[in-house]
Amino acid sequence: MLWNVKNGRVPVEGGVMSYVSFGRGERAFVILPGLSDGLATVKGKALLLAPPYKAFFERYTVYMFSRRDPLPRGFTIRDMAADQAEAMTALGIARASVMGVSQGGMIAQVLAAEHPETVEKLVLAVTAPHVSPMIRENAERWMDLARQGDHRGLMADTAEKSYSEAYLRKYRLLYPLLGLVGRPKDYGRFLANAEAILSFEASTVPERIACPTLIIGGEEDRIVGICASRELHERIGDSRLFVYPGLGHAVYEEAEDFNARVLRFLDGESE
């Protein structure tokens, strides 16, 4: 198969990380997902996750990683970045372009700053260099819903904060189904991820990122806020910023040209 799809697991000290890969290019492109990884990992989902990245497959092998399993409470963003560097080394990925989305972007920042030999280019999508009041309010509310076992409420609130009003008008009728699908056996992994977000403070991390960086934000982002993207752009020296007007935190799903924009950046094309 030209897609060269693979589901895999790689050991790290004290645990194991699930990953998927697809494509047959010589260059590596690593994707780190957001907080949703706390509800469902990438394990076994290579065929499901591959199609949006078909344009990458000639020149890149795309890898998408989940956080370690088991994921202990108290595990930090810095710990997750160290795991990521270890997993890449174990898989023979000496150097890669890395895209982090939301919480994944926090991990990617630390990876690029503290393990610079692993990151060739960096894409930071709808993420932040520290925990703002907006991020804290959202994370704490979602943690409360998770502790209550209110899966429908958790999914509905996340959707309302992530998507544009035009998108939501189409899909709100499906909300009654949200509590029936995707419910984890327990919310321990989700809570551990959320706690890592709440303890995140990048301090001087953005200033230490030396690789070319593309920052992508949504003008109407109600989870991390567009100010976070602008602050990252101000603090990362070799960076460019693109803001999607009218879109929010889910720009990576709603913007039709999102992956094409990322690919142009990785290939060194100017806007």
C-alpha atoms as a PDB file:
ATOM      1  CA  MET A   1       0.000   0.000   0.000  1.00  0.00           C
ATOM      2  CA  LEU A   2       1.353   3.417  -0.966  1.00  0.00           C
ATOM      3  CA  TRP A   3       0.162   4.829   2.352  1.00  0.00           C
ATOM      4  CA  ASN A   4       2.512   2.470   4.238  1.00  0.00           C
ATOM      5  CA  VAL A   5       0.188   2.520   7.248  1.00  0.00           C
ATOM      6  CA  LYS A   6       1.487   1.243  10.590  1.00  0.00           C
ATOM      7  CA  ASN A   7       0.160   0.941  14.141  1.00  0.00           C
ATOM      8  CA  GLY A   8       2.927   0.631  16.694  1.00  0.00           C
ATOM      9  CA  ARG A   9       4.056   0.930  20.297  1.00  0.00           C
ATOM     10  CA  VAL A  10       7.434   2.098  21.507  1.00  0.00           C
ATOM     11  CA  PRO A  11       8.826   1.590  25.022  1.00  0.00           C
ATOM     12  CA  VAL A  12       9.936   4.550  27.116  1.00  0.00           C
ATOM     13  CA  GLU A  13      11.329   4.406  30.624  1.00  0.00           C
ATOM     14  CA  GLY A  14       8.452   3.317  32.859  1.00  0.00           C
ATOM     15  CA  GLY A  15       5.848   2.955  30.133  1.00  0.00           C
ATOM     16  CA  VAL A  16       4.983   2.599  26.473  1.00  0.00           C
ATOM     17  CA  MET A  17       3.780   5.090  23.852  1.00  0.00           C
ATOM     18  CA  SER A  18       1.320   4.201  21.099  1.00  0.00           C
ATOM     19  CA  TYR A  19       1.899   5.734  17.684  1.00  0.00           C
ATOM     20  CA  VAL A  20       0.681   5.495  14.118  1.00  0.00           C
ATOM     21  CA  SER A  21       2.626   6.236  10.960  1.00  0.00           C
ATOM     22  CA  PHE A  22       1.774   6.613   7.300  1.00  0.00           C
ATOM     23  CA  GLY A  23       3.521   7.736   4.130  1.00  0.00           C
ATOM     24  CA  ARG A  24       6.775   6.742   2.461  1.00  0.00           C
ATOM     25  CA  GLY A  25       8.827   9.917   2.354  1.00  0.00           C
ATOM     26  CA  GLU A  26      12.371  10.176   3.630  1.00  0.00           C
ATOM     27  CA  ARG A  27      11.596  13.142   5.880  1.00  0.00           C
ATOM     28  CA  ALA A  28       9.792  12.673   9.205  1.00  0.00           C
ATOM     29  CA  PHE A  29       6.799  14.747  10.322  1.00  0.00           C
ATOM     30  CA  VAL A  30       5.706  14.195  13.921  1.00  0.00           C
ATOM     31  CA  ILE A  31       2.264  15.266  15.185  1.00  0.00           C
ATOM     32  CA  LEU A  32       1.410  15.668  18.881  1.00  0.00           C
ATOM     33  CA  PRO A  33      -2.351  15.864  19.602  1.00  0.00           C
ATOM     34  CA  GLY A  34      -4.150  17.855  22.271  1.00  0.00           C
ATOM     35  CA  LEU A  35      -6.075  17.051  25.430  1.00  0.00           C
ATOM     36  CA  SER A  36      -8.423  14.713  23.544  1.00  0.00           C
ATOM     37  CA  ASP A  37      -5.573  12.197  23.757  1.00  0.00           C
ATOM     38  CA  GLY A  38      -6.605  11.808  27.383  1.00  0.00           C
ATOM     39  CA  LEU A  39      -9.928  10.319  26.251  1.00  0.00           C
ATOM     40  CA  ALA A  40      -8.836   8.219  23.280  1.00  0.00           C
ATOM     41  CA  THR A  41      -5.296   7.442  22.142  1.00  0.00           C
ATOM     42  CA  VAL A  42      -4.136   6.854  18.567  1.00  0.00           C
ATOM     43  CA  LYS A  43      -3.713   3.127  19.266  1.00  0.00           C
ATOM     44  CA  GLY A  44      -4.909   1.067  16.277  1.00  0.00           C
ATOM     45  CA  LYS A  45      -6.275   4.099  14.393  1.00  0.00           C
ATOM     46  CA  ALA A  46      -3.725   4.491  11.584  1.00  0.00           C
ATOM     47  CA  LEU A  47      -6.207   3.911   8.746  1.00  0.00           C
ATOM     48  CA  LEU A  48      -8.680   6.331  10.323  1.00  0.00           C
ATOM     49  CA  LEU A  49      -6.115   9.087  10.913  1.00  0.00           C
ATOM     50  CA  ALA A  50      -4.144   8.855   7.651  1.00  0.00           C
ATOM     51  CA  PRO A  51      -6.463  10.338   4.953  1.00  0.00           C
ATOM     52  CA  PRO A  52      -6.114  14.064   5.819  1.00  0.00           C
ATOM     53  CA  TYR A  53      -2.329  13.793   5.349  1.00  0.00           C
ATOM     54  CA  LYS A  54      -2.204  12.151   1.907  1.00  0.00           C
ATOM     55  CA  ALA A  55      -0.519  15.196   0.386  1.00  0.00           C
ATOM     56  CA  PHE A  56       2.451  14.610   2.715  1.00  0.00           C
ATOM     57  CA  PHE A  57       3.044  10.968   1.792  1.00  0.00           C
ATOM     58  CA  GLU A  58       5.428  11.385  -1.149  1.00  0.00           C
ATOM     59  CA  ARG A  59       7.972  13.445   0.777  1.00  0.00           C
ATOM     60  CA  TYR A  60       7.208  12.622   4.413  1.00  0.00           C
ATOM     61  CA  THR A  61       6.551   9.744   6.727  1.00  0.00           C
ATOM     62  CA  VAL A  62       3.982  11.094   9.170  1.00  0.00           C
ATOM     63  CA  TYR A  63       3.983   9.935  12.796  1.00  0.00           C
ATOM     64  CA  MET A  64       1.289  10.691  15.361  1.00  0.00           C
ATOM     65  CA  PHE A  65       2.053   9.895  19.003  1.00  0.00           C
ATOM     66  CA  SER A  66      -0.045   9.493  22.117  1.00  0.00           C
ATOM     67  CA  ARG A  67       1.243  10.182  25.590  1.00  0.00           C
ATOM     68  CA  ARG A  68       2.632   7.242  27.563  1.00  0.00           C
ATOM     69  CA  ASP A  69       0.586   4.443  29.035  1.00  0.00           C
ATOM     70  CA  PRO A  70       0.194   4.308  31.947  1.00  0.00           C
ATOM     71  CA  LEU A  71       0.126   8.068  32.395  1.00  0.00           C
ATOM     72  CA  PRO A  72       0.696   8.793  36.103  1.00  0.00           C
ATOM     73  CA  ARG A  73      -0.847  11.738  37.878  1.00  0.00           C
ATOM     74  CA  GLY A  74       1.746  14.460  38.370  1.00  0.00           C
ATOM     75  CA  PHE A  75       3.383  13.805  34.990  1.00  0.00           C
ATOM     76  CA  THR A  76       4.392  17.190  33.561  1.00  0.00           C
ATOM     77  CA  ILE A  77       4.623  18.709  30.094  1.00  0.00           C
ATOM     78  CA  ARG A  78       8.412  18.545  30.460  1.00  0.00           C
ATOM     79  CA  ASP A  79       8.160  14.828  31.271  1.00  0.00           C
ATOM     80  CA  MET A  80       6.021  14.337  28.159  1.00  0.00           C
ATOM     81  CA  ALA A  81       8.596  16.146  26.013  1.00  0.00           C
ATOM     82  CA  ALA A  82      11.360  13.919  27.398  1.00  0.00           C
ATOM     83  CA  ASP A  83       9.237  10.857  26.553  1.00  0.00           C
ATOM     84  CA  GLN A  84       8.768  12.185  23.027  1.00  0.00           C
ATOM     85  CA  ALA A  85      12.499  12.624  22.481  1.00  0.00           C
ATOM     86  CA  GLU A  86      13.139   9.112  23.829  1.00  0.00           C
ATOM     87  CA  ALA A  87      10.451   7.568  21.599  1.00  0.00           C
ATOM     88  CA  MET A  88      11.780   9.300  18.488  1.00  0.00           C
ATOM     89  CA  THR A  89      15.297   8.067  19.211  1.00  0.00           C
ATOM     90  CA  ALA A  90      14.026   4.520  19.759  1.00  0.00           C
ATOM     91  CA  LEU A  91      12.275   4.614  16.358  1.00  0.00           C
ATOM     92  CA  GLY A  92      15.357   5.949  14.580  1.00  0.00           C
ATOM     93  CA  ILE A  93      13.847   9.406  13.989  1.00  0.00           C
ATOM     94  CA  ALA A  94      16.997  11.465  14.353  1.00  0.00           C
ATOM     95  CA  ARG A  95      15.387  14.747  13.319  1.00  0.00           C
ATOM     96  CA  ALA A  96      11.842  15.691  12.339  1.00  0.00           C
ATOM     97  CA  SER A  97       9.490  18.517  11.639  1.00  0.00           C
ATOM     98  CA  VAL A  98       7.089  18.607  14.581  1.00  0.00           C
ATOM     99  CA  MET A  99       3.525  19.922  14.855  1.00  0.00           C
ATOM    100  CA  GLY A 100       1.885  20.281  18.248  1.00  0.00           C
ATOM    101  CA  VAL A 101      -1.811  21.082  18.560  1.00  0.00           C
ATOM    102  CA  SER A 102      -3.160  22.679  21.750  1.00  0.00           C
ATOM    103  CA  GLN A 103      -1.628  20.667  24.639  1.00  0.00           C
ATOM    104  CA  GLY A 104       0.551  18.959  22.035  1.00  0.00           C
ATOM    105  CA  GLY A 105       1.887  22.407  21.194  1.00  0.00           C
ATOM    106  CA  MET A 106       2.999  22.876  24.783  1.00  0.00           C
ATOM    107  CA  ILE A 107       4.908  19.597  24.583  1.00  0.00           C
ATOM    108  CA  ALA A 108       6.355  20.583  21.202  1.00  0.00           C
ATOM    109  CA  GLN A 109       7.660  23.885  22.584  1.00  0.00           C
ATOM    110  CA  VAL A 110       9.603  22.114  25.325  1.00  0.00           C
ATOM    111  CA  LEU A 111      10.817  19.452  22.885  1.00  0.00           C
ATOM    112  CA  ALA A 112      12.206  22.119  20.539  1.00  0.00           C
ATOM    113  CA  ALA A 113      13.811  24.114  23.356  1.00  0.00           C
ATOM    114  CA  GLU A 114      15.266  21.285  25.441  1.00  0.00           C
ATOM    115  CA  HIS A 115      15.930  18.697  22.722  1.00  0.00           C
ATOM    116  CA  PRO A 116      16.770  20.993  19.781  1.00  0.00           C
ATOM    117  CA  GLU A 117      18.642  18.281  17.907  1.00  0.00           C
ATOM    118  CA  THR A 118      15.336  16.452  17.351  1.00  0.00           C
ATOM    119  CA  VAL A 119      13.352  19.308  15.746  1.00  0.00           C
ATOM    120  CA  GLU A 120      14.048  20.674  12.273  1.00  0.00           C
ATOM    121  CA  LYS A 121      10.931  22.834  11.896  1.00  0.00           C
ATOM    122  CA  LEU A 122       8.112  23.516  14.324  1.00  0.00           C
ATOM    123  CA  VAL A 123       4.384  24.137  13.879  1.00  0.00           C
ATOM    124  CA  LEU A 124       2.468  25.394  16.914  1.00  0.00           C
ATOM    125  CA  ALA A 125      -1.293  25.345  16.398  1.00  0.00           C
ATOM    126  CA  VAL A 126      -3.804  26.911  18.806  1.00  0.00           C
ATOM    127  CA  THR A 127      -1.470  26.623  21.776  1.00  0.00           C
ATOM    128  CA  ALA A 128       0.063  28.808  24.473  1.00  0.00           C
ATOM    129  CA  PRO A 129       3.352  29.445  26.303  1.00  0.00           C
ATOM    130  CA  HIS A 130       1.705  29.402  29.741  1.00  0.00           C
ATOM    131  CA  VAL A 131      -1.621  28.887  31.496  1.00  0.00           C
ATOM    132  CA  SER A 132      -3.872  31.919  31.125  1.00  0.00           C
ATOM    133  CA  PRO A 133      -7.076  32.486  33.141  1.00  0.00           C
ATOM    134  CA  MET A 134      -9.057  31.361  30.066  1.00  0.00           C
ATOM    135  CA  ILE A 135      -7.136  28.087  29.790  1.00  0.00           C
ATOM    136  CA  ARG A 136      -7.426  27.449  33.532  1.00  0.00           C
ATOM    137  CA  GLU A 137     -11.173  28.097  33.578  1.00  0.00           C
ATOM    138  CA  ASN A 138     -11.780  25.694  30.675  1.00  0.00           C
ATOM    139  CA  ALA A 139      -9.520  22.933  31.993  1.00  0.00           C
ATOM    140  CA  GLU A 140     -10.948  23.080  35.503  1.00  0.00           C
ATOM    141  CA  ARG A 141     -14.533  22.940  34.191  1.00  0.00           C
ATOM    142  CA  TRP A 142     -13.719  19.915  32.019  1.00  0.00           C
ATOM    143  CA  MET A 143     -12.027  18.206  34.943  1.00  0.00           C
ATOM    144  CA  ASP A 144     -15.135  18.740  37.067  1.00  0.00           C
ATOM    145  CA  LEU A 145     -17.329  17.223  34.328  1.00  0.00           C
ATOM    146  CA  ALA A 146     -14.952  14.264  34.027  1.00  0.00           C
ATOM    147  CA  ARG A 147     -15.008  13.648  37.794  1.00  0.00           C
ATOM    148  CA  GLN A 148     -18.815  13.660  37.632  1.00  0.00           C
ATOM    149  CA  GLY A 149     -18.742  11.169  34.755  1.00  0.00           C
ATOM    150  CA  ASP A 150     -20.732  13.627  32.612  1.00  0.00           C
ATOM    151  CA  HIS A 151     -19.342  12.581  29.239  1.00  0.00           C
ATOM    152  CA  ARG A 152     -22.099  14.242  27.241  1.00  0.00           C
ATOM    153  CA  GLY A 153     -21.555  17.508  29.087  1.00  0.00           C
ATOM    154  CA  LEU A 154     -17.795  17.293  28.595  1.00  0.00           C
ATOM    155  CA  MET A 155     -18.084  16.660  24.868  1.00  0.00           C
ATOM    156  CA  ALA A 156     -20.775  19.312  24.327  1.00  0.00           C
ATOM    157  CA  ASP A 157     -18.863  21.987  26.234  1.00  0.00           C
ATOM    158  CA  THR A 158     -15.655  21.176  24.368  1.00  0.00           C
ATOM    159  CA  ALA A 159     -17.468  21.435  21.045  1.00  0.00           C
ATOM    160  CA  GLU A 160     -19.118  24.743  21.950  1.00  0.00           C
ATOM    161  CA  LYS A 161     -15.725  26.222  22.865  1.00  0.00           C
ATOM    162  CA  SER A 162     -13.872  24.767  19.854  1.00  0.00           C
ATOM    163  CA  TYR A 163     -15.973  25.267  16.726  1.00  0.00           C
ATOM    164  CA  SER A 164     -17.382  28.218  14.820  1.00  0.00           C
ATOM    165  CA  GLU A 165     -21.068  29.043  15.093  1.00  0.00           C
ATOM    166  CA  ALA A 166     -21.589  28.057  11.444  1.00  0.00           C
ATOM    167  CA  TYR A 167     -20.173  24.604  12.169  1.00  0.00           C
ATOM    168  CA  LEU A 168     -22.134  24.197  15.388  1.00  0.00           C
ATOM    169  CA  ARG A 169     -25.452  25.001  13.732  1.00  0.00           C
ATOM    170  CA  LYS A 170     -25.004  21.879  11.618  1.00  0.00           C
ATOM    171  CA  TYR A 171     -24.025  19.522  14.395  1.00  0.00           C
ATOM    172  CA  ARG A 172     -25.846  20.564  17.587  1.00  0.00           C
ATOM    173  CA  LEU A 173     -28.636  18.114  16.751  1.00  0.00           C
ATOM    174  CA  LEU A 174     -26.122  15.323  17.369  1.00  0.00           C
ATOM    175  CA  TYR A 175     -25.446  16.365  20.971  1.00  0.00           C
ATOM    176  CA  PRO A 176     -27.806  13.725  22.460  1.00  0.00           C
ATOM    177  CA  LEU A 177     -25.499  11.070  20.979  1.00  0.00           C
ATOM    178  CA  LEU A 178     -22.337  12.479  22.514  1.00  0.00           C
ATOM    179  CA  GLY A 179     -22.755  10.647  25.791  1.00  0.00           C
ATOM    180  CA  LEU A 180     -23.094   7.316  23.994  1.00  0.00           C
ATOM    181  CA  VAL A 181     -19.784   7.216  22.098  1.00  0.00           C
ATOM    182  CA  GLY A 182     -16.155   7.675  23.067  1.00  0.00           C
ATOM    183  CA  ARG A 183     -16.648   7.336  26.807  1.00  0.00           C
ATOM    184  CA  PRO A 184     -13.418   6.021  28.395  1.00  0.00           C
ATOM    185  CA  LYS A 185     -13.422   3.281  31.036  1.00  0.00           C
ATOM    186  CA  ASP A 186     -12.298   5.922  33.501  1.00  0.00           C
ATOM    187  CA  TYR A 187     -11.098   9.517  33.324  1.00  0.00           C
ATOM    188  CA  GLY A 188      -7.740   9.076  35.055  1.00  0.00           C
ATOM    189  CA  ARG A 189      -5.750   9.596  31.880  1.00  0.00           C
ATOM    190  CA  PHE A 190      -7.781  12.671  30.938  1.00  0.00           C
ATOM    191  CA  LEU A 191      -7.319  14.170  34.409  1.00  0.00           C
ATOM    192  CA  ALA A 192      -3.553  13.507  34.319  1.00  0.00           C
ATOM    193  CA  ASN A 193      -3.291  15.331  30.983  1.00  0.00           C
ATOM    194  CA  ALA A 194      -5.414  18.238  32.214  1.00  0.00           C
ATOM    195  CA  GLU A 195      -3.336  18.561  35.390  1.00  0.00           C
ATOM    196  CA  ALA A 196      -0.201  18.734  33.242  1.00  0.00           C
ATOM    197  CA  ILE A 197      -1.716  21.661  31.362  1.00  0.00           C
ATOM    198  CA  LEU A 198      -2.571  23.493  34.571  1.00  0.00           C
ATOM    199  CA  SER A 199       1.005  23.154  35.841  1.00  0.00           C
ATOM    200  CA  PHE A 200       2.578  24.273  32.552  1.00  0.00           C
ATOM    201  CA  GLU A 201       4.780  27.346  32.680  1.00  0.00           C
ATOM    202  CA  ALA A 202       7.167  27.683  29.756  1.00  0.00           C
ATOM    203  CA  SER A 203       9.109  30.524  31.366  1.00  0.00           C
ATOM    204  CA  THR A 204      11.986  31.162  28.917  1.00  0.00           C
ATOM    205  CA  VAL A 205      11.131  28.206  26.640  1.00  0.00           C
ATOM    206  CA  PRO A 206       9.846  30.197  23.627  1.00  0.00           C
ATOM    207  CA  GLU A 207      12.982  32.369  23.553  1.00  0.00           C
ATOM    208  CA  ARG A 208      15.097  29.201  23.420  1.00  0.00           C
ATOM    209  CA  ILE A 209      13.374  27.832  20.317  1.00  0.00           C
ATOM    210  CA  ALA A 210      15.839  28.332  17.464  1.00  0.00           C
ATOM    211  CA  CYS A 211      14.257  26.398  14.595  1.00  0.00           C
ATOM    212  CA  PRO A 212      11.926  27.967  11.997  1.00  0.00           C
ATOM    213  CA  THR A 213       8.440  28.049  13.516  1.00  0.00           C
ATOM    214  CA  LEU A 214       4.948  28.502  12.085  1.00  0.00           C
ATOM    215  CA  ILE A 215       2.325  29.606  14.605  1.00  0.00           C
ATOM    216  CA  ILE A 216      -1.329  29.124  13.650  1.00  0.00           C
ATOM    217  CA  GLY A 217      -4.195  30.616  15.623  1.00  0.00           C
ATOM    218  CA  GLY A 218      -7.931  31.060  15.380  1.00  0.00           C
ATOM    219  CA  GLU A 219      -9.163  34.630  15.812  1.00  0.00           C
ATOM    220  CA  GLU A 220     -12.189  33.411  17.797  1.00  0.00           C
ATOM    221  CA  ASP A 221     -10.340  30.837  19.920  1.00  0.00           C
ATOM    222  CA  ARG A 222     -12.249  30.480  23.204  1.00  0.00           C
ATOM    223  CA  ILE A 223      -9.985  27.842  24.736  1.00  0.00           C
ATOM    224  CA  VAL A 224      -6.478  29.335  24.653  1.00  0.00           C
ATOM    225  CA  GLY A 225      -7.280  32.734  23.110  1.00  0.00           C
ATOM    226  CA  ILE A 226      -5.673  34.378  20.092  1.00  0.00           C
ATOM    227  CA  CYS A 227      -3.427  36.435  22.405  1.00  0.00           C
ATOM    228  CA  ALA A 228      -1.498  33.219  23.116  1.00  0.00           C
ATOM    229  CA  SER A 229      -0.567  32.803  19.446  1.00  0.00           C
ATOM    230  CA  ARG A 230       0.501  36.424  19.216  1.00  0.00           C
ATOM    231  CA  GLU A 231       2.628  36.124  22.343  1.00  0.00           C
ATOM    232  CA  LEU A 232       4.376  33.040  20.950  1.00  0.00           C
ATOM    233  CA  HIS A 233       5.132  34.950  17.745  1.00  0.00           C
ATOM    234  CA  GLU A 234       6.624  37.825  19.729  1.00  0.00           C
ATOM    235  CA  ARG A 235       8.780  35.504  21.830  1.00  0.00           C
ATOM    236  CA  ILE A 236      10.043  33.012  19.222  1.00  0.00           C
ATOM    237  CA  GLY A 237      12.673  34.713  17.103  1.00  0.00           C
ATOM    238  CA  ASP A 238      12.434  32.787  13.825  1.00  0.00           C
ATOM    239  CA  SER A 239       8.646  32.584  13.640  1.00  0.00           C
ATOM    240  CA  ARG A 240       5.759  33.549  11.427  1.00  0.00           C
ATOM    241  CA  LEU A 241       2.127  33.849  12.491  1.00  0.00           C
ATOM    242  CA  PHE A 242      -1.035  33.059  10.567  1.00  0.00           C
ATOM    243  CA  VAL A 243      -4.453  33.773  12.082  1.00  0.00           C
ATOM    244  CA  TYR A 244      -7.665  32.316  10.672  1.00  0.00           C
ATOM    245  CA  PRO A 245     -10.391  34.964  10.899  1.00  0.00           C
ATOM    246  CA  GLY A 246     -13.784  33.765  12.094  1.00  0.00           C
ATOM    247  CA  LEU A 247     -12.496  30.397  13.320  1.00  0.00           C
ATOM    248  CA  GLY A 248     -11.725  29.148  16.800  1.00  0.00           C
ATOM    249  CA  HIS A 249      -9.733  26.425  18.484  1.00  0.00           C
ATOM    250  CA  ALA A 250     -10.694  23.766  15.913  1.00  0.00           C
ATOM    251  CA  VAL A 251      -9.007  25.516  12.978  1.00  0.00           C
ATOM    252  CA  TYR A 252      -7.111  22.289  12.240  1.00  0.00           C
ATOM    253  CA  GLU A 253     -10.471  20.663  11.433  1.00  0.00           C
ATOM    254  CA  GLU A 254     -12.480  23.552  10.020  1.00  0.00           C
ATOM    255  CA  ALA A 255      -9.935  25.350   7.827  1.00  0.00           C
ATOM    256  CA  GLU A 256      -9.844  23.519   4.489  1.00  0.00           C
ATOM    257  CA  ASP A 257      -6.326  24.743   3.718  1.00  0.00           C
ATOM    258  CA  PHE A 258      -4.830  24.008   7.154  1.00  0.00           C
ATOM    259  CA  ASN A 259      -2.746  20.972   6.158  1.00  0.00           C
ATOM    260  CA  ALA A 260      -1.787  22.539   2.831  1.00  0.00           C
ATOM    261  CA  ARG A 261      -0.513  25.606   4.702  1.00  0.00           C
ATOM    262  CA  VAL A 262       1.534  23.416   7.045  1.00  0.00           C
ATOM    263  CA  LEU A 263       2.960  21.452   4.118  1.00  0.00           C
ATOM    264  CA  ARG A 264       4.024  24.629   2.303  1.00  0.00           C
ATOM    265  CA  PHE A 265       5.858  25.756   5.439  1.00  0.00           C
ATOM    266  CA  LEU A 266       7.617  22.407   5.831  1.00  0.00           C
ATOM    267  CA  ASP A 267       8.654  22.494   2.176  1.00  0.00           C
ATOM    268  CA  GLY A 268      10.104  25.972   2.598  1.00  0.00           C
ATOM    269  CA  GLU A 269       7.581  27.799   0.435  1.00  0.00           C
ATOM    270  CA  SER A 270       6.717  31.396   1.238  1.00  0.00           C
ATOM    271  CA  GLU A 271       3.130  32.479   1.796  1.00  0.00           C
END
